[in-house]
N, C-alpha and C. Protein backbone atom coordinates (compact mmCIF):
# COMPACT_ATOMS: atom_id res chain seq x y z
N UNK A 1 144.27 56.63 91.12
CA UNK A 1 144.74 57.97 91.49
C UNK A 1 145.89 58.43 90.60
N UNK A 2 146.85 57.49 90.39
CA UNK A 2 148.00 57.82 89.55
C UNK A 2 147.56 58.04 88.11
N UNK A 3 146.64 57.17 87.63
CA UNK A 3 146.14 57.30 86.26
C UNK A 3 145.42 58.63 86.08
N UNK A 4 144.62 59.02 87.07
CA UNK A 4 143.91 60.30 87.00
C UNK A 4 144.89 61.46 86.96
N UNK A 5 145.93 61.38 87.80
CA UNK A 5 146.96 62.42 87.81
C UNK A 5 147.69 62.47 86.47
N UNK A 6 148.02 61.29 85.92
CA UNK A 6 148.76 61.21 84.65
C UNK A 6 147.95 61.82 83.51
N UNK A 7 146.66 61.52 83.46
CA UNK A 7 145.80 62.08 82.42
C UNK A 7 145.69 63.60 82.57
N UNK A 8 145.52 64.05 83.83
CA UNK A 8 145.44 65.48 84.09
C UNK A 8 146.72 66.20 83.71
N UNK A 9 147.87 65.59 84.02
CA UNK A 9 149.17 66.19 83.70
C UNK A 9 149.34 66.32 82.19
N UNK A 10 148.98 65.25 81.46
CA UNK A 10 149.11 65.28 80.00
C UNK A 10 148.21 66.34 79.38
N UNK A 11 146.95 66.36 79.79
CA UNK A 11 146.00 67.34 79.23
C UNK A 11 146.46 68.76 79.50
N UNK A 12 146.96 69.00 80.71
CA UNK A 12 147.40 70.35 81.09
C UNK A 12 148.63 70.78 80.29
N UNK A 13 149.62 69.90 80.20
CA UNK A 13 150.85 70.24 79.46
C UNK A 13 150.55 70.39 77.98
N UNK A 14 149.73 69.49 77.44
CA UNK A 14 149.37 69.57 76.02
C UNK A 14 148.61 70.87 75.73
N UNK A 15 147.73 71.26 76.65
CA UNK A 15 146.93 72.47 76.45
C UNK A 15 147.79 73.72 76.42
N UNK A 16 148.79 73.80 77.30
CA UNK A 16 149.61 75.01 77.36
C UNK A 16 150.63 75.06 76.23
N UNK A 17 151.18 73.90 75.85
CA UNK A 17 152.09 73.86 74.68
C UNK A 17 151.30 74.12 73.41
N UNK A 18 150.11 73.52 73.31
CA UNK A 18 149.15 73.75 72.23
C UNK A 18 149.77 73.61 70.84
N UNK A 19 150.33 72.44 70.52
CA UNK A 19 150.99 72.27 69.23
C UNK A 19 150.06 72.41 68.03
N UNK A 20 148.78 72.07 68.20
CA UNK A 20 147.83 72.18 67.09
C UNK A 20 147.72 73.64 66.63
N UNK A 21 147.56 74.55 67.59
CA UNK A 21 147.44 75.97 67.25
C UNK A 21 148.76 76.56 66.77
N UNK A 22 149.88 75.89 67.08
CA UNK A 22 151.19 76.38 66.64
C UNK A 22 151.50 76.01 65.21
N UNK A 23 150.73 75.08 64.63
CA UNK A 23 150.97 74.64 63.25
C UNK A 23 150.91 75.81 62.26
N UNK A 24 149.87 76.68 62.31
CA UNK A 24 149.84 77.80 61.35
C UNK A 24 151.05 78.73 61.48
N UNK A 25 151.53 78.94 62.72
CA UNK A 25 152.70 79.79 62.93
C UNK A 25 153.94 79.12 62.34
N UNK A 26 154.06 77.81 62.56
CA UNK A 26 155.18 77.06 61.98
C UNK A 26 155.14 77.15 60.46
N UNK A 27 153.95 77.01 59.88
CA UNK A 27 153.80 77.11 58.42
C UNK A 27 154.25 78.48 57.91
N UNK A 28 153.87 79.53 58.63
CA UNK A 28 154.21 80.89 58.21
C UNK A 28 155.72 81.14 58.31
N UNK A 29 156.31 80.67 59.41
CA UNK A 29 157.74 80.92 59.64
C UNK A 29 158.61 80.14 58.66
N UNK A 30 158.20 78.92 58.33
CA UNK A 30 159.03 78.06 57.47
C UNK A 30 158.61 78.12 56.00
N UNK A 31 157.78 79.08 55.66
CA UNK A 31 157.36 79.22 54.26
C UNK A 31 158.58 79.43 53.36
N UNK A 32 158.70 78.64 52.32
CA UNK A 32 159.84 78.74 51.42
C UNK A 32 160.98 77.81 51.78
N UNK A 33 160.93 77.16 52.94
CA UNK A 33 161.96 76.21 53.32
C UNK A 33 161.75 74.91 52.53
N UNK A 34 162.85 74.26 52.13
CA UNK A 34 162.70 72.95 51.49
C UNK A 34 162.42 71.90 52.57
N UNK A 35 162.10 70.69 52.14
CA UNK A 35 161.67 69.64 53.08
C UNK A 35 162.76 69.30 54.09
N UNK A 36 164.01 69.27 53.62
CA UNK A 36 165.11 68.93 54.53
C UNK A 36 165.29 70.01 55.60
N UNK A 37 165.18 71.27 55.19
CA UNK A 37 165.32 72.38 56.15
C UNK A 37 164.18 72.37 57.16
N UNK A 38 162.96 72.09 56.68
CA UNK A 38 161.80 72.04 57.58
C UNK A 38 161.97 70.92 58.62
N UNK A 39 162.50 69.78 58.19
CA UNK A 39 162.71 68.67 59.12
C UNK A 39 163.72 69.05 60.19
N UNK A 40 164.79 69.76 59.79
CA UNK A 40 165.79 70.20 60.77
C UNK A 40 165.17 71.13 61.79
N UNK A 41 164.29 72.02 61.32
CA UNK A 41 163.62 72.95 62.23
C UNK A 41 162.73 72.20 63.20
N UNK A 42 161.98 71.22 62.69
CA UNK A 42 161.10 70.41 63.55
C UNK A 42 161.92 69.67 64.60
N UNK A 43 163.04 69.08 64.18
CA UNK A 43 163.90 68.36 65.12
C UNK A 43 164.39 69.28 66.23
N UNK A 44 164.79 70.48 65.85
CA UNK A 44 165.31 71.43 66.86
C UNK A 44 164.20 71.88 67.81
N UNK A 45 163.01 72.13 67.27
CA UNK A 45 161.88 72.53 68.12
C UNK A 45 161.63 71.47 69.19
N UNK A 46 161.55 70.22 68.76
CA UNK A 46 161.22 69.13 69.69
C UNK A 46 162.32 68.88 70.71
N UNK A 47 163.58 68.94 70.26
CA UNK A 47 164.70 68.73 71.18
C UNK A 47 164.76 69.85 72.22
N UNK A 48 164.62 71.09 71.76
CA UNK A 48 164.67 72.23 72.67
C UNK A 48 163.52 72.18 73.66
N UNK A 49 162.32 71.85 73.18
CA UNK A 49 161.15 71.76 74.07
C UNK A 49 161.36 70.69 75.12
N UNK A 50 161.80 69.51 74.69
CA UNK A 50 162.01 68.39 75.62
C UNK A 50 163.07 68.73 76.66
N UNK A 51 164.20 69.23 76.21
CA UNK A 51 165.32 69.54 77.12
C UNK A 51 164.92 70.64 78.10
N UNK A 52 164.29 71.70 77.60
CA UNK A 52 163.92 72.83 78.45
C UNK A 52 162.95 72.41 79.55
N UNK A 53 161.90 71.68 79.19
CA UNK A 53 160.91 71.26 80.18
C UNK A 53 161.48 70.24 81.16
N UNK A 54 162.35 69.36 80.67
CA UNK A 54 162.99 68.39 81.57
C UNK A 54 163.91 69.10 82.57
N UNK A 55 164.68 70.06 82.08
CA UNK A 55 165.63 70.78 82.96
C UNK A 55 164.89 71.51 84.07
N UNK A 56 163.82 72.25 83.70
CA UNK A 56 163.08 72.98 84.72
C UNK A 56 162.31 72.03 85.63
N UNK A 57 161.88 70.87 85.08
CA UNK A 57 161.21 69.89 85.92
C UNK A 57 162.16 69.27 86.94
N UNK A 58 163.38 68.97 86.51
CA UNK A 58 164.36 68.32 87.39
C UNK A 58 164.93 69.28 88.42
N UNK A 59 165.25 70.50 87.97
CA UNK A 59 165.93 71.45 88.86
C UNK A 59 165.00 72.48 89.48
N UNK A 60 163.68 72.32 89.26
CA UNK A 60 162.73 73.27 89.82
C UNK A 60 162.82 73.39 91.33
N UNK A 61 163.02 72.25 91.99
CA UNK A 61 163.10 72.23 93.46
C UNK A 61 164.25 73.11 93.95
N UNK A 62 165.40 73.02 93.27
CA UNK A 62 166.55 73.83 93.67
C UNK A 62 166.33 75.30 93.36
N UNK A 63 165.63 75.58 92.28
CA UNK A 63 165.30 76.97 91.94
C UNK A 63 164.43 77.57 93.04
N UNK A 64 163.46 76.79 93.52
CA UNK A 64 162.61 77.24 94.62
C UNK A 64 163.45 77.56 95.87
N UNK A 65 164.35 76.63 96.21
CA UNK A 65 165.13 76.80 97.44
C UNK A 65 166.10 77.97 97.34
N UNK A 66 166.70 78.16 96.17
CA UNK A 66 167.66 79.25 95.99
C UNK A 66 167.00 80.61 96.18
N UNK A 67 165.80 80.76 95.62
CA UNK A 67 165.11 82.05 95.69
C UNK A 67 164.11 82.12 96.84
N UNK A 68 164.05 81.07 97.64
CA UNK A 68 163.15 81.08 98.79
C UNK A 68 161.69 81.10 98.42
N UNK A 69 161.36 80.45 97.30
CA UNK A 69 159.97 80.43 96.83
C UNK A 69 159.25 79.23 97.43
N UNK A 70 158.07 79.46 97.98
CA UNK A 70 157.27 78.35 98.52
C UNK A 70 156.36 77.81 97.42
N UNK A 71 155.96 76.57 97.56
CA UNK A 71 155.08 75.94 96.58
C UNK A 71 153.73 76.68 96.48
N UNK A 72 153.08 77.01 97.62
CA UNK A 72 151.82 77.75 97.52
C UNK A 72 151.95 79.08 96.79
N UNK A 73 153.04 79.82 97.07
CA UNK A 73 153.24 81.10 96.40
C UNK A 73 153.43 80.91 94.89
N UNK A 74 154.17 79.88 94.53
CA UNK A 74 154.41 79.62 93.11
C UNK A 74 153.13 79.17 92.41
N UNK A 75 152.29 78.41 93.13
CA UNK A 75 151.02 77.99 92.56
C UNK A 75 150.13 79.20 92.25
N UNK A 76 150.06 80.13 93.20
CA UNK A 76 149.22 81.32 92.99
C UNK A 76 149.76 82.16 91.84
N UNK A 77 151.08 82.43 91.86
CA UNK A 77 151.68 83.23 90.79
C UNK A 77 151.57 82.51 89.45
N UNK A 78 151.83 81.19 89.46
CA UNK A 78 151.73 80.42 88.22
C UNK A 78 150.30 80.38 87.71
N UNK A 79 149.33 80.26 88.62
CA UNK A 79 147.93 80.24 88.22
C UNK A 79 147.52 81.54 87.55
N UNK A 80 148.00 82.66 88.10
CA UNK A 80 147.68 83.97 87.50
C UNK A 80 148.29 84.08 86.10
N UNK A 81 149.56 83.64 85.96
CA UNK A 81 150.21 83.66 84.65
C UNK A 81 149.46 82.78 83.66
N UNK A 82 149.11 81.58 84.09
CA UNK A 82 148.41 80.64 83.21
C UNK A 82 147.04 81.17 82.80
N UNK A 83 146.37 81.85 83.74
CA UNK A 83 145.05 82.40 83.40
C UNK A 83 145.18 83.49 82.34
N UNK A 84 146.26 84.28 82.40
CA UNK A 84 146.46 85.32 81.38
C UNK A 84 146.69 84.69 80.01
N UNK A 85 147.43 83.57 79.99
CA UNK A 85 147.64 82.83 78.74
C UNK A 85 146.31 82.26 78.25
N UNK A 86 145.55 81.65 79.17
CA UNK A 86 144.26 81.06 78.82
C UNK A 86 143.29 82.11 78.31
N UNK A 87 143.36 83.32 78.89
CA UNK A 87 142.47 84.41 78.45
C UNK A 87 142.74 84.77 77.00
N UNK A 88 144.03 84.84 76.63
CA UNK A 88 144.38 85.10 75.23
C UNK A 88 143.90 83.97 74.33
N UNK A 89 144.05 82.73 74.80
CA UNK A 89 143.62 81.57 74.01
C UNK A 89 142.12 81.57 73.80
N UNK A 90 141.36 81.98 74.81
CA UNK A 90 139.91 82.04 74.70
C UNK A 90 139.46 83.04 73.64
N UNK A 91 140.32 84.03 73.37
CA UNK A 91 140.02 85.03 72.35
C UNK A 91 140.71 84.72 71.02
N UNK A 92 141.24 83.48 70.93
CA UNK A 92 141.84 83.03 69.67
C UNK A 92 143.17 83.67 69.36
N UNK A 93 143.88 84.13 70.41
CA UNK A 93 145.16 84.80 70.20
C UNK A 93 146.30 83.90 70.64
N UNK A 94 147.49 84.16 70.07
CA UNK A 94 148.70 83.56 70.60
C UNK A 94 149.20 84.47 71.71
N UNK A 95 149.38 83.90 72.89
CA UNK A 95 149.76 84.71 74.04
C UNK A 95 151.04 85.49 73.77
N UNK A 96 151.09 86.74 74.28
CA UNK A 96 152.27 87.56 74.11
C UNK A 96 153.47 87.00 74.88
N UNK A 97 153.22 86.09 75.82
CA UNK A 97 154.33 85.45 76.52
C UNK A 97 154.98 84.37 75.66
N UNK A 98 154.33 84.02 74.55
CA UNK A 98 154.84 82.95 73.70
C UNK A 98 155.42 83.46 72.38
N UNK A 99 154.79 84.44 71.78
CA UNK A 99 155.21 84.88 70.45
C UNK A 99 154.72 86.29 70.22
N UNK A 100 155.59 87.21 69.89
CA UNK A 100 155.18 88.59 69.68
C UNK A 100 155.74 89.14 68.38
N UNK A 101 155.39 90.36 68.07
CA UNK A 101 155.78 90.95 66.79
C UNK A 101 157.29 91.11 66.67
N UNK A 102 157.94 91.38 67.78
CA UNK A 102 159.40 91.53 67.74
C UNK A 102 160.05 90.24 67.29
N UNK A 103 159.53 89.10 67.79
CA UNK A 103 160.05 87.80 67.34
C UNK A 103 159.82 87.64 65.85
N UNK A 104 158.63 88.00 65.38
CA UNK A 104 158.26 87.80 63.99
C UNK A 104 159.15 88.65 63.06
N UNK A 105 159.46 89.87 63.50
CA UNK A 105 160.25 90.76 62.69
C UNK A 105 161.70 90.30 62.59
N UNK A 106 162.17 89.57 63.62
CA UNK A 106 163.57 89.17 63.62
C UNK A 106 163.80 87.80 62.98
N UNK A 107 162.73 87.15 62.57
CA UNK A 107 162.85 85.80 62.00
C UNK A 107 163.74 85.80 60.75
N UNK A 108 163.62 86.81 59.91
CA UNK A 108 164.37 86.85 58.66
C UNK A 108 165.87 86.88 58.92
N UNK A 109 166.31 87.36 60.09
CA UNK A 109 167.73 87.47 60.40
C UNK A 109 168.24 86.24 61.13
N UNK A 110 167.39 85.26 61.34
CA UNK A 110 167.77 84.08 62.12
C UNK A 110 167.84 82.83 61.25
N UNK A 111 168.89 82.04 61.48
CA UNK A 111 168.98 80.74 60.83
C UNK A 111 168.39 79.67 61.74
N UNK A 112 168.46 79.90 63.03
CA UNK A 112 168.06 78.89 63.99
C UNK A 112 166.64 79.15 64.51
N UNK A 113 165.68 79.24 63.60
CA UNK A 113 164.30 79.53 64.02
C UNK A 113 163.70 78.38 64.83
N UNK A 114 164.29 77.19 64.70
CA UNK A 114 163.80 76.07 65.48
C UNK A 114 164.09 76.22 66.96
N UNK A 115 165.12 77.01 67.28
CA UNK A 115 165.48 77.25 68.68
C UNK A 115 164.71 78.46 69.21
N UNK A 116 164.89 79.60 68.55
CA UNK A 116 164.17 80.85 68.89
C UNK A 116 163.64 81.44 67.59
N UNK A 117 162.37 81.77 67.49
CA UNK A 117 161.36 81.80 68.55
C UNK A 117 160.45 80.57 68.61
N UNK A 118 160.66 79.58 67.73
CA UNK A 118 159.71 78.46 67.69
C UNK A 118 159.87 77.51 68.89
N UNK A 119 161.11 77.10 69.18
CA UNK A 119 161.32 76.22 70.33
C UNK A 119 161.03 76.95 71.63
N UNK A 120 161.73 78.07 71.81
CA UNK A 120 161.52 78.97 72.94
C UNK A 120 161.25 80.36 72.37
N UNK A 121 160.13 81.00 72.69
CA UNK A 121 159.16 80.64 73.73
C UNK A 121 157.85 80.04 73.21
N UNK A 122 157.76 79.73 71.89
CA UNK A 122 156.46 79.30 71.36
C UNK A 122 156.02 77.96 71.95
N UNK A 123 156.90 76.96 71.94
CA UNK A 123 156.54 75.65 72.49
C UNK A 123 156.91 75.56 73.97
N UNK A 124 158.14 75.85 74.30
CA UNK A 124 158.58 75.82 75.70
C UNK A 124 158.63 77.25 76.22
N UNK A 125 157.47 77.77 76.57
CA UNK A 125 157.37 79.15 77.04
C UNK A 125 157.20 79.21 78.55
N UNK A 126 157.00 80.41 79.09
CA UNK A 126 156.82 80.58 80.55
C UNK A 126 155.67 79.74 81.10
N UNK A 127 154.58 79.65 80.34
CA UNK A 127 153.42 78.89 80.82
C UNK A 127 153.72 77.41 80.98
N UNK A 128 154.32 76.80 79.95
CA UNK A 128 154.62 75.36 80.01
C UNK A 128 155.68 75.06 81.07
N UNK A 129 156.65 75.95 81.21
CA UNK A 129 157.68 75.77 82.24
C UNK A 129 157.04 75.82 83.62
N UNK A 130 156.14 76.78 83.82
CA UNK A 130 155.45 76.93 85.11
C UNK A 130 154.63 75.69 85.43
N UNK A 131 153.88 75.21 84.44
CA UNK A 131 153.06 74.01 84.63
C UNK A 131 153.91 72.82 85.08
N UNK A 132 155.00 72.59 84.37
CA UNK A 132 155.87 71.45 84.68
C UNK A 132 156.44 71.56 86.09
N UNK A 133 156.90 72.75 86.45
CA UNK A 133 157.49 72.93 87.78
C UNK A 133 156.45 72.71 88.88
N UNK A 134 155.23 73.16 88.67
CA UNK A 134 154.17 72.95 89.67
C UNK A 134 153.82 71.48 89.79
N UNK A 135 153.64 70.80 88.66
CA UNK A 135 153.28 69.38 88.69
C UNK A 135 154.38 68.54 89.32
N UNK A 136 155.63 68.85 89.02
CA UNK A 136 156.75 68.11 89.63
C UNK A 136 156.80 68.37 91.13
N UNK A 137 156.61 69.63 91.52
CA UNK A 137 156.65 69.96 92.95
C UNK A 137 155.54 69.24 93.71
N UNK A 138 154.36 69.11 93.10
CA UNK A 138 153.27 68.38 93.73
C UNK A 138 153.62 66.90 93.89
N UNK A 139 154.22 66.32 92.85
CA UNK A 139 154.60 64.90 92.89
C UNK A 139 155.64 64.64 93.97
N UNK A 140 156.65 65.52 94.02
CA UNK A 140 157.70 65.38 95.03
C UNK A 140 157.12 65.58 96.42
N UNK A 141 156.22 66.56 96.56
CA UNK A 141 155.58 66.81 97.85
C UNK A 141 154.76 65.64 98.32
N UNK A 142 154.15 64.92 97.38
CA UNK A 142 153.35 63.74 97.73
C UNK A 142 154.22 62.50 97.94
N UNK A 143 155.51 62.61 97.55
CA UNK A 143 156.41 61.47 97.66
C UNK A 143 156.01 60.32 96.76
N UNK A 144 155.39 60.63 95.64
CA UNK A 144 154.88 59.61 94.72
C UNK A 144 155.74 59.57 93.46
N UNK A 145 156.55 58.54 93.35
CA UNK A 145 157.45 58.39 92.20
C UNK A 145 156.67 58.18 90.91
N UNK A 146 155.55 57.47 90.99
CA UNK A 146 154.75 57.20 89.80
C UNK A 146 154.16 58.51 89.24
N UNK A 147 153.73 59.41 90.11
CA UNK A 147 153.23 60.70 89.66
C UNK A 147 154.34 61.50 88.98
N UNK A 148 155.54 61.43 89.57
CA UNK A 148 156.69 62.14 88.99
C UNK A 148 157.00 61.61 87.60
N UNK A 149 157.00 60.29 87.45
CA UNK A 149 157.24 59.68 86.14
C UNK A 149 156.13 60.06 85.16
N UNK A 150 154.91 60.19 85.66
CA UNK A 150 153.78 60.55 84.81
C UNK A 150 153.95 61.95 84.22
N UNK A 151 154.51 62.87 85.00
CA UNK A 151 154.75 64.24 84.51
C UNK A 151 155.74 64.23 83.35
N UNK A 152 156.86 63.54 83.53
CA UNK A 152 157.86 63.49 82.48
C UNK A 152 157.36 62.68 81.28
N UNK A 153 156.54 61.66 81.56
CA UNK A 153 155.91 60.92 80.47
C UNK A 153 154.98 61.80 79.66
N UNK A 154 154.25 62.69 80.36
CA UNK A 154 153.34 63.62 79.68
C UNK A 154 154.11 64.59 78.79
N UNK A 155 155.30 65.01 79.25
CA UNK A 155 156.14 65.90 78.44
C UNK A 155 156.57 65.17 77.17
N UNK A 156 157.02 63.93 77.31
CA UNK A 156 157.47 63.14 76.15
C UNK A 156 156.33 62.94 75.16
N UNK A 157 155.15 62.60 75.66
CA UNK A 157 153.99 62.38 74.79
C UNK A 157 153.63 63.67 74.04
N UNK A 158 153.65 64.79 74.74
CA UNK A 158 153.34 66.07 74.10
C UNK A 158 154.34 66.40 73.00
N UNK A 159 155.62 66.15 73.27
CA UNK A 159 156.66 66.41 72.28
C UNK A 159 156.52 65.48 71.07
N UNK A 160 156.19 64.21 71.31
CA UNK A 160 156.01 63.26 70.21
C UNK A 160 154.84 63.68 69.32
N UNK A 161 153.72 64.08 69.94
CA UNK A 161 152.57 64.54 69.16
C UNK A 161 152.92 65.81 68.40
N UNK A 162 153.68 66.69 69.04
CA UNK A 162 154.11 67.93 68.38
C UNK A 162 154.96 67.61 67.16
N UNK A 163 155.85 66.62 67.30
CA UNK A 163 156.71 66.22 66.19
C UNK A 163 155.87 65.75 65.00
N UNK A 164 154.89 64.90 65.26
CA UNK A 164 154.04 64.38 64.18
C UNK A 164 153.23 65.49 63.52
N UNK A 165 152.69 66.39 64.34
CA UNK A 165 151.89 67.50 63.78
C UNK A 165 152.74 68.42 62.91
N UNK A 166 153.97 68.68 63.34
CA UNK A 166 154.84 69.58 62.58
C UNK A 166 155.41 68.91 61.33
N UNK A 167 155.72 67.62 61.42
CA UNK A 167 156.25 66.92 60.26
C UNK A 167 155.21 66.84 59.14
N UNK A 168 153.94 66.75 59.54
CA UNK A 168 152.86 66.69 58.54
C UNK A 168 152.00 67.95 58.61
N UNK A 169 152.66 69.07 58.87
CA UNK A 169 151.95 70.33 59.09
C UNK A 169 151.15 70.78 57.87
N UNK A 170 151.64 70.50 56.67
CA UNK A 170 150.90 70.87 55.45
C UNK A 170 149.52 70.23 55.46
N UNK A 171 149.50 68.92 55.71
CA UNK A 171 148.23 68.19 55.71
C UNK A 171 147.34 68.65 56.87
N UNK A 172 147.95 68.84 58.03
CA UNK A 172 147.18 69.27 59.20
C UNK A 172 146.55 70.64 58.95
N UNK A 173 147.34 71.55 58.38
CA UNK A 173 146.85 72.91 58.15
C UNK A 173 145.75 72.91 57.09
N UNK A 174 145.92 72.11 56.04
CA UNK A 174 144.89 72.02 55.01
C UNK A 174 143.59 71.43 55.57
N UNK A 175 143.74 70.48 56.49
CA UNK A 175 142.57 69.81 57.07
C UNK A 175 141.78 70.74 57.99
N UNK A 176 142.48 71.44 58.88
CA UNK A 176 141.76 72.22 59.89
C UNK A 176 141.66 73.70 59.54
N UNK A 177 142.64 74.21 58.77
CA UNK A 177 142.62 75.63 58.43
C UNK A 177 142.88 76.50 59.65
N UNK A 178 142.96 77.81 59.43
CA UNK A 178 143.22 78.74 60.52
C UNK A 178 142.04 78.81 61.49
N UNK A 179 140.83 78.71 60.96
CA UNK A 179 139.65 78.78 61.82
C UNK A 179 139.57 77.57 62.73
N UNK A 180 139.95 76.40 62.22
CA UNK A 180 139.97 75.19 63.04
C UNK A 180 140.99 75.29 64.16
N UNK A 181 142.16 75.86 63.84
CA UNK A 181 143.20 76.05 64.86
C UNK A 181 142.72 77.00 65.95
N UNK A 182 142.01 78.05 65.55
CA UNK A 182 141.49 79.01 66.53
C UNK A 182 140.44 78.37 67.42
N UNK A 183 139.58 77.53 66.84
CA UNK A 183 138.55 76.84 67.63
C UNK A 183 139.20 75.92 68.65
N UNK A 184 140.24 75.19 68.22
CA UNK A 184 140.95 74.29 69.12
C UNK A 184 141.63 75.07 70.23
N UNK A 185 142.18 76.22 69.88
CA UNK A 185 142.84 77.07 70.87
C UNK A 185 141.85 77.52 71.94
N UNK A 186 140.65 77.88 71.52
CA UNK A 186 139.63 78.32 72.49
C UNK A 186 139.24 77.17 73.44
N UNK A 187 139.13 75.96 72.90
CA UNK A 187 138.80 74.81 73.75
C UNK A 187 139.91 74.57 74.77
N UNK A 188 141.16 74.62 74.31
CA UNK A 188 142.29 74.45 75.22
C UNK A 188 142.34 75.59 76.24
N UNK A 189 141.92 76.77 75.82
CA UNK A 189 141.89 77.92 76.73
C UNK A 189 140.92 77.72 77.87
N UNK A 190 139.77 77.11 77.58
CA UNK A 190 138.78 76.82 78.63
C UNK A 190 139.36 75.83 79.64
N UNK A 191 139.99 74.76 79.13
CA UNK A 191 140.60 73.77 80.03
C UNK A 191 141.70 74.39 80.87
N UNK A 192 142.53 75.19 80.23
CA UNK A 192 143.67 75.79 80.93
C UNK A 192 143.22 76.81 81.97
N UNK A 193 142.15 77.56 81.67
CA UNK A 193 141.66 78.54 82.65
C UNK A 193 141.15 77.84 83.90
N UNK A 194 140.52 76.67 83.72
CA UNK A 194 140.04 75.89 84.88
C UNK A 194 141.23 75.41 85.72
N UNK A 195 142.28 74.95 85.04
CA UNK A 195 143.49 74.51 85.75
C UNK A 195 144.11 75.69 86.50
N UNK A 196 144.16 76.85 85.87
CA UNK A 196 144.75 78.04 86.49
C UNK A 196 143.99 78.44 87.75
N UNK A 197 142.67 78.44 87.68
CA UNK A 197 141.85 78.77 88.85
C UNK A 197 142.10 77.76 89.97
N UNK A 198 142.22 76.49 89.59
CA UNK A 198 142.50 75.45 90.58
C UNK A 198 143.83 75.68 91.28
N UNK A 199 144.87 76.07 90.52
CA UNK A 199 146.18 76.36 91.11
C UNK A 199 146.09 77.52 92.10
N UNK A 200 145.39 78.59 91.70
CA UNK A 200 145.26 79.75 92.58
C UNK A 200 144.51 79.36 93.86
N UNK A 201 143.44 78.59 93.72
CA UNK A 201 142.63 78.19 94.88
C UNK A 201 143.43 77.31 95.84
N UNK A 202 144.07 76.25 95.30
CA UNK A 202 144.82 75.33 96.18
C UNK A 202 146.04 76.02 96.77
N UNK A 203 146.69 76.87 95.99
CA UNK A 203 147.85 77.60 96.50
C UNK A 203 147.47 78.53 97.64
N UNK A 204 146.36 79.24 97.49
CA UNK A 204 145.87 80.14 98.54
C UNK A 204 145.49 79.36 99.79
N UNK A 205 144.81 78.23 99.59
CA UNK A 205 144.39 77.39 100.72
C UNK A 205 145.61 76.85 101.47
N UNK A 206 146.62 76.38 100.74
CA UNK A 206 147.83 75.87 101.37
C UNK A 206 148.57 76.97 102.13
N UNK A 207 148.59 78.16 101.55
CA UNK A 207 149.24 79.30 102.20
C UNK A 207 148.56 79.63 103.52
N UNK A 208 147.22 79.63 103.52
CA UNK A 208 146.46 79.93 104.74
C UNK A 208 146.65 78.84 105.80
N UNK A 209 146.73 77.58 105.33
CA UNK A 209 146.96 76.47 106.26
C UNK A 209 148.33 76.56 106.91
N UNK A 210 149.35 76.90 106.10
CA UNK A 210 150.70 77.04 106.65
C UNK A 210 150.78 78.20 107.62
N UNK A 211 149.98 79.24 107.38
CA UNK A 211 149.98 80.40 108.27
C UNK A 211 149.08 80.19 109.48
N UNK A 212 148.40 79.04 109.53
CA UNK A 212 147.51 78.72 110.64
C UNK A 212 146.21 79.50 110.62
N UNK A 213 145.82 79.95 109.43
CA UNK A 213 144.59 80.75 109.30
C UNK A 213 143.42 79.93 108.77
N UNK A 214 143.67 78.68 108.45
CA UNK A 214 142.60 77.83 107.92
C UNK A 214 142.78 76.40 108.38
């Protein structure tokens, strides 16, 4: 059961972060950077992604309590958000919640592109934050420490893979090309849309059960 949850958590987090599809964007943003500068950007992306997802994973419970958000309500809202991201991915697009033209236009004025817009919101965006908070809340609700550790382990694994893909982005991009990245994005979009529908379904069911309607 724990292994199944751990695999599901990793696939879901990896799908929403989608580092493979982010490689072409990284290549475009860091074009003209020397190797040392590119490495600094990669380091910042990975640190920011790891810290952001860990912070929201750890303090998500308190965020819920402060704003009076219930887990079922967050699952439904998060599922809808994730489905909108997945819909863009199915059409080979980068979701507007992750990267938009305004970000692209301001890149030339930024030295810290590894933090914004590459770290946040491209890698650690609303979708990935939502996923982590939902998975952590489920683990805490089940009282299963192993599931909780599996979520944070999945974050670490995703960040490590992202680091390797970005450090060798030239080779990765030459190997798969833009069309390959788009194909991978569509596959991840299918997986993510299924996860999103599942969140909406279970969240609605839990809401009805709590209301005594089911």
